[in-house]
Amino acid sequence: MDEELHSLPRRLIELRMEHADLDAMIDRLVEQPPVDELALQRLKKRRLALKDMIARLEATSEPDDLA
């Protein structure tokens, strides 16, 4: 059961959900002037890091999917 909690597909889902949440937060922040530029930059940096993590995990999972 522990393996299911930490499986690659589950981790990808969690990262995608966090990425989507950050998208929503960024959209809300931009729509509410005055914009906190520092907070906005931090959220965007975290979102980009998540996108990179997702891409890396997807790349490592692709050869396993083909087998």
C-alpha atoms as a PDB file:
ATOM      1  CA  MET A   1       0.000   0.000   0.000  1.00  0.00           C
ATOM      2  CA  ASP A   2       2.902   2.390   0.707  1.00  0.00           C
ATOM      3  CA  GLU A   3       4.096   1.863  -2.853  1.00  0.00           C
ATOM      4  CA  GLU A   4       0.753   3.134  -4.176  1.00  0.00           C
ATOM      5  CA  LEU A   5       1.029   6.286  -2.070  1.00  0.00           C
ATOM      6  CA  HIS A   6       4.427   7.096  -3.584  1.00  0.00           C
ATOM      7  CA  SER A   7       3.999   5.720  -7.085  1.00  0.00           C
ATOM      8  CA  LEU A   8       5.144   7.732 -10.078  1.00  0.00           C
ATOM      9  CA  PRO A   9       1.652   8.170 -11.585  1.00  0.00           C
ATOM     10  CA  ARG A  10       0.325   9.403  -8.258  1.00  0.00           C
ATOM     11  CA  ARG A  11       3.237  11.835  -7.863  1.00  0.00           C
ATOM     12  CA  LEU A  12       2.587  13.196 -11.356  1.00  0.00           C
ATOM     13  CA  ILE A  13      -1.062  13.751 -10.500  1.00  0.00           C
ATOM     14  CA  GLU A  14      -0.119  15.583  -7.303  1.00  0.00           C
ATOM     15  CA  LEU A  15       2.363  17.804  -9.138  1.00  0.00           C
ATOM     16  CA  ARG A  16      -0.147  18.600 -11.889  1.00  0.00           C
ATOM     17  CA  MET A  17      -2.751  19.518  -9.280  1.00  0.00           C
ATOM     18  CA  GLU A  18      -0.296  21.806  -7.500  1.00  0.00           C
ATOM     19  CA  HIS A  19       0.633  23.372 -10.862  1.00  0.00           C
ATOM     20  CA  ALA A  20      -3.049  24.013 -11.634  1.00  0.00           C
ATOM     21  CA  ASP A  21      -3.556  25.522  -8.165  1.00  0.00           C
ATOM     22  CA  LEU A  22      -0.627  27.874  -8.756  1.00  0.00           C
ATOM     23  CA  ASP A  23      -2.101  28.884 -12.117  1.00  0.00           C
ATOM     24  CA  ALA A  24      -5.339  29.807 -10.371  1.00  0.00           C
ATOM     25  CA  MET A  25      -3.518  31.730  -7.620  1.00  0.00           C
ATOM     26  CA  ILE A  26      -1.468  33.647 -10.178  1.00  0.00           C
ATOM     27  CA  ASP A  27      -4.615  34.537 -12.129  1.00  0.00           C
ATOM     28  CA  ARG A  28      -6.358  35.781  -8.969  1.00  0.00           C
ATOM     29  CA  LEU A  29      -3.318  37.784  -7.889  1.00  0.00           C
ATOM     30  CA  VAL A  30      -3.031  39.509 -11.259  1.00  0.00           C
ATOM     31  CA  GLU A  31      -6.742  40.407 -11.265  1.00  0.00           C
ATOM     32  CA  GLN A  32      -6.559  42.187  -7.889  1.00  0.00           C
ATOM     33  CA  PRO A  33      -4.660  45.464  -8.109  1.00  0.00           C
ATOM     34  CA  PRO A  34      -2.308  46.470  -6.668  1.00  0.00           C
ATOM     35  CA  VAL A  35      -0.284  43.456  -7.739  1.00  0.00           C
ATOM     36  CA  ASP A  36       2.297  42.178  -5.273  1.00  0.00           C
ATOM     37  CA  GLU A  37       5.116  41.711  -7.776  1.00  0.00           C
ATOM     38  CA  LEU A  38       7.340  39.801  -5.366  1.00  0.00           C
ATOM     39  CA  ALA A  39       4.615  37.293  -4.526  1.00  0.00           C
ATOM     40  CA  LEU A  40       3.764  36.987  -8.213  1.00  0.00           C
ATOM     41  CA  GLN A  41       7.378  36.242  -9.139  1.00  0.00           C
ATOM     42  CA  ARG A  42       7.660  33.636  -6.370  1.00  0.00           C
ATOM     43  CA  LEU A  43       4.503  31.880  -7.526  1.00  0.00           C
ATOM     44  CA  LYS A  44       5.683  31.902 -11.136  1.00  0.00           C
ATOM     45  CA  LYS A  45       9.074  30.518 -10.126  1.00  0.00           C
ATOM     46  CA  ARG A  46       7.426  27.706  -8.155  1.00  0.00           C
ATOM     47  CA  ARG A  47       5.083  26.973 -11.081  1.00  0.00           C
ATOM     48  CA  LEU A  48       8.045  26.740 -13.465  1.00  0.00           C
ATOM     49  CA  ALA A  49       9.890  24.416 -11.072  1.00  0.00           C
ATOM     50  CA  LEU A  50       6.819  22.183 -10.926  1.00  0.00           C
ATOM     51  CA  LYS A  51       6.578  22.163 -14.712  1.00  0.00           C
ATOM     52  CA  ASP A  52      10.222  21.068 -14.915  1.00  0.00           C
ATOM     53  CA  MET A  53       9.673  18.335 -12.318  1.00  0.00           C
ATOM     54  CA  ILE A  54       6.634  17.066 -14.200  1.00  0.00           C
ATOM     55  CA  ALA A  55       8.575  16.994 -17.474  1.00  0.00           C
ATOM     56  CA  ARG A  56      11.456  15.079 -15.861  1.00  0.00           C
ATOM     57  CA  LEU A  57       9.139  12.520 -14.292  1.00  0.00           C
ATOM     58  CA  GLU A  58       7.247  12.062 -17.553  1.00  0.00           C
ATOM     59  CA  ALA A  59      10.530  11.564 -19.407  1.00  0.00           C
ATOM     60  CA  THR A  60      11.663   8.895 -16.953  1.00  0.00           C
ATOM     61  CA  SER A  61       8.333   7.100 -17.121  1.00  0.00           C
ATOM     62  CA  GLU A  62       8.097   6.962 -20.923  1.00  0.00           C
ATOM     63  CA  PRO A  63      10.579   4.086 -21.502  1.00  0.00           C
ATOM     64  CA  ASP A  64       8.727   2.002 -18.887  1.00  0.00           C
ATOM     65  CA  ASP A  65       5.426   2.652 -20.654  1.00  0.00           C
ATOM     66  CA  LEU A  66       6.793   1.354 -23.938  1.00  0.00           C
ATOM     67  CA  ALA A  67       8.023  -1.918 -22.477  1.00  0.00           C
END
